[in-house]
């Protein structure tokens, strides 16, 4: 599913997750340049995140294991489950809305408005018209006659 419909969507992190990240920050003894440290501080200061950040966090969890220091700074296993669930629900919600519209009788719900042609019946069968006057055959015969002269 394209993310263009979700482009300006923001997500509020649950208080339980924010508290967990805050306690991880307080217990962290490593350098502030550790991957995930600034992100954790930003989530504690403002728990509203964008879709881009949500995707980045989920990608971080997919590519790093529990031994990475930023893993706990981003909420550990609880954070991993919560962030992935937030993204999954958002994607399914968008897709579910489109499917409900299609079941209701609307067509072209997966197309952008400028790609739709609402004047055309997409279920109609288009059969080419047959030239009953046979004008094409007469034109070909006339061209052949002119060439042979």
Protein backbone atom coordinates (compact mmCIF):
# COMPACT_ATOMS: atom_id res chain seq x y z
CA UNK A 1 0.00 0.00 0.00
CA UNK A 2 1.35 3.35 -0.88
CA UNK A 3 2.05 5.68 2.01
CA UNK A 4 0.94 8.83 0.19
CA UNK A 5 -2.46 8.70 1.92
CA UNK A 6 -0.69 8.49 5.28
CA UNK A 7 1.91 11.15 4.51
CA UNK A 8 0.97 13.67 7.22
CA UNK A 9 -0.16 11.11 9.78
CA UNK A 10 1.22 11.45 13.28
CA UNK A 11 1.20 8.92 16.10
CA UNK A 12 1.17 9.43 19.83
CA UNK A 13 3.33 6.96 21.74
CA UNK A 14 1.54 5.31 24.68
CA UNK A 15 2.46 6.60 28.14
CA UNK A 16 3.70 3.16 29.18
CA UNK A 17 6.18 3.17 26.29
CA UNK A 18 7.31 6.73 26.99
CA UNK A 19 7.91 5.84 30.67
CA UNK A 20 9.91 2.78 29.64
CA UNK A 21 12.08 4.82 27.25
CA UNK A 22 12.54 7.47 29.97
CA UNK A 23 13.73 4.89 32.50
CA UNK A 24 16.09 3.40 29.89
CA UNK A 25 17.54 6.87 29.32
CA UNK A 26 18.05 7.38 33.06
CA UNK A 27 19.81 3.99 33.40
CA UNK A 28 21.96 4.48 30.28
CA UNK A 29 25.68 4.94 31.01
CA UNK A 30 27.04 5.07 27.47
CA UNK A 31 27.95 8.07 25.31
CA UNK A 32 25.25 10.39 23.99
CA UNK A 33 26.42 9.65 20.45
CA UNK A 34 24.99 6.12 20.66
CA UNK A 35 22.48 5.38 17.93
CA UNK A 36 18.99 5.88 19.32
CA UNK A 37 19.94 8.18 22.22
CA UNK A 38 18.75 11.42 20.59
CA UNK A 39 15.67 9.67 19.20
CA UNK A 40 14.81 8.41 22.70
CA UNK A 41 15.20 11.92 24.14
CA UNK A 42 12.95 13.34 21.43
CA UNK A 43 10.26 10.73 22.09
CA UNK A 44 10.36 11.49 25.84
CA UNK A 45 10.18 15.26 25.20
CA UNK A 46 7.43 15.00 22.55
CA UNK A 47 5.73 11.59 22.25
CA UNK A 48 4.10 12.52 18.91
CA UNK A 49 6.02 10.94 16.02
CA UNK A 50 5.62 11.01 12.25
CA UNK A 51 5.08 8.07 9.93
CA UNK A 52 8.64 8.43 8.64
CA UNK A 53 10.05 8.12 12.16
CA UNK A 54 7.77 5.19 12.93
CA UNK A 55 9.03 3.37 9.83
CA UNK A 56 12.63 4.22 10.74
CA UNK A 57 12.18 2.83 14.26
CA UNK A 58 10.63 -0.39 12.94
CA UNK A 59 13.48 -0.75 10.45
CA UNK A 60 15.94 -0.26 13.32
CA UNK A 61 14.31 -3.10 15.26
CA UNK A 62 14.33 -5.38 12.22
CA UNK A 63 18.03 -4.81 11.52
CA UNK A 64 19.42 -4.84 15.10
CA UNK A 65 19.29 -7.41 17.86
CA UNK A 66 18.92 -7.09 21.64
CA UNK A 67 22.66 -6.62 22.18
CA UNK A 68 22.62 -3.25 20.40
CA UNK A 69 22.67 -0.41 22.98
CA UNK A 70 19.98 1.52 21.11
CA UNK A 71 17.61 -1.43 21.37
CA UNK A 72 16.80 -0.77 25.02
CA UNK A 73 16.85 3.00 24.49
CA UNK A 74 13.99 2.60 22.02
CA UNK A 75 11.88 0.56 24.41
CA UNK A 76 13.30 -2.94 24.12
CA UNK A 77 10.93 -5.78 23.28
CA UNK A 78 7.94 -3.75 24.45
CA UNK A 79 8.91 -0.89 22.14
CA UNK A 80 9.50 -3.27 19.26
CA UNK A 81 6.03 -4.79 19.64
CA UNK A 82 4.29 -1.47 20.21
CA UNK A 83 5.86 0.35 17.25
CA UNK A 84 5.27 -2.54 14.85
CA UNK A 85 1.65 -2.81 16.00
CA UNK A 86 1.14 0.94 15.46
CA UNK A 87 2.39 0.65 11.86
CA UNK A 88 0.41 -2.52 11.17
CA UNK A 89 -2.86 -1.04 12.43
CA UNK A 90 -2.37 2.09 10.36
CA UNK A 91 -1.69 0.18 7.16
CA UNK A 92 -4.57 -2.24 7.72
CA UNK A 93 -6.93 0.60 8.57
CA UNK A 94 -6.24 2.35 5.28
CA UNK A 95 -6.66 -0.87 3.30
CA UNK A 96 -9.79 -1.84 5.25
CA UNK A 97 -11.42 1.49 4.39
CA UNK A 98 -10.82 0.97 0.69
CA UNK A 99 -12.18 -2.56 0.76
CA UNK A 100 -15.33 -1.40 2.59
CA UNK A 101 -15.92 1.23 -0.10
CA UNK A 102 -15.55 -1.40 -2.81
CA UNK A 103 -18.03 -3.70 -1.05
CA UNK A 104 -20.39 -0.75 -0.90
CA UNK A 105 -20.32 -0.43 -4.68
CA UNK A 106 -17.68 2.22 -5.31
CA UNK A 107 -15.21 1.47 -8.06
CA UNK A 108 -11.60 2.54 -8.45
CA UNK A 109 -10.92 3.01 -4.73
CA UNK A 110 -7.25 2.09 -5.25
CA UNK A 111 -6.74 4.68 -7.96
CA UNK A 112 -5.90 8.31 -7.41
CA UNK A 113 -8.68 10.79 -8.30
CA UNK A 114 -6.87 12.05 -11.39
CA UNK A 115 -6.54 8.48 -12.72
CA UNK A 116 -10.24 7.74 -12.49
CA UNK A 117 -12.66 8.10 -15.36
CA UNK A 118 -16.01 8.25 -13.61
CA UNK A 119 -17.93 8.51 -16.90
CA UNK A 120 -16.88 5.05 -18.06
CA UNK A 121 -18.59 1.86 -16.97
CA UNK A 122 -15.61 -0.35 -16.14
CA UNK A 123 -17.71 -3.53 -16.12
CA UNK A 124 -19.12 -3.04 -19.62
CA UNK A 125 -17.77 -5.16 -22.46
CA UNK A 126 -16.46 -3.09 -25.34
CA UNK A 127 -16.99 -4.69 -28.74
CA UNK A 128 -15.57 -2.95 -31.81
CA UNK A 129 -18.14 -1.81 -34.32
CA UNK A 130 -18.21 -3.55 -37.68
CA UNK A 131 -18.29 -1.44 -40.82
CA UNK A 132 -21.41 -2.85 -42.43
CA UNK A 133 -21.09 -0.65 -45.51
CA UNK A 134 -17.75 -2.29 -46.26
CA UNK A 135 -16.20 1.10 -47.06
CA UNK A 136 -12.69 -0.09 -46.19
CA UNK A 137 -12.88 -2.95 -48.70
CA UNK A 138 -14.09 -0.56 -51.39
CA UNK A 139 -11.22 1.83 -50.66
CA UNK A 140 -8.65 -0.96 -50.93
CA UNK A 141 -10.13 -2.15 -54.22
CA UNK A 142 -10.03 1.43 -55.58
CA UNK A 143 -6.35 1.81 -54.57
CA UNK A 144 -5.46 -1.48 -56.25
CA UNK A 145 -7.25 -0.42 -59.43
CA UNK A 146 -5.38 2.89 -59.50
CA UNK A 147 -2.02 1.15 -59.01
CA UNK A 148 -2.67 -1.29 -61.83
CA UNK A 149 -3.55 1.44 -64.36
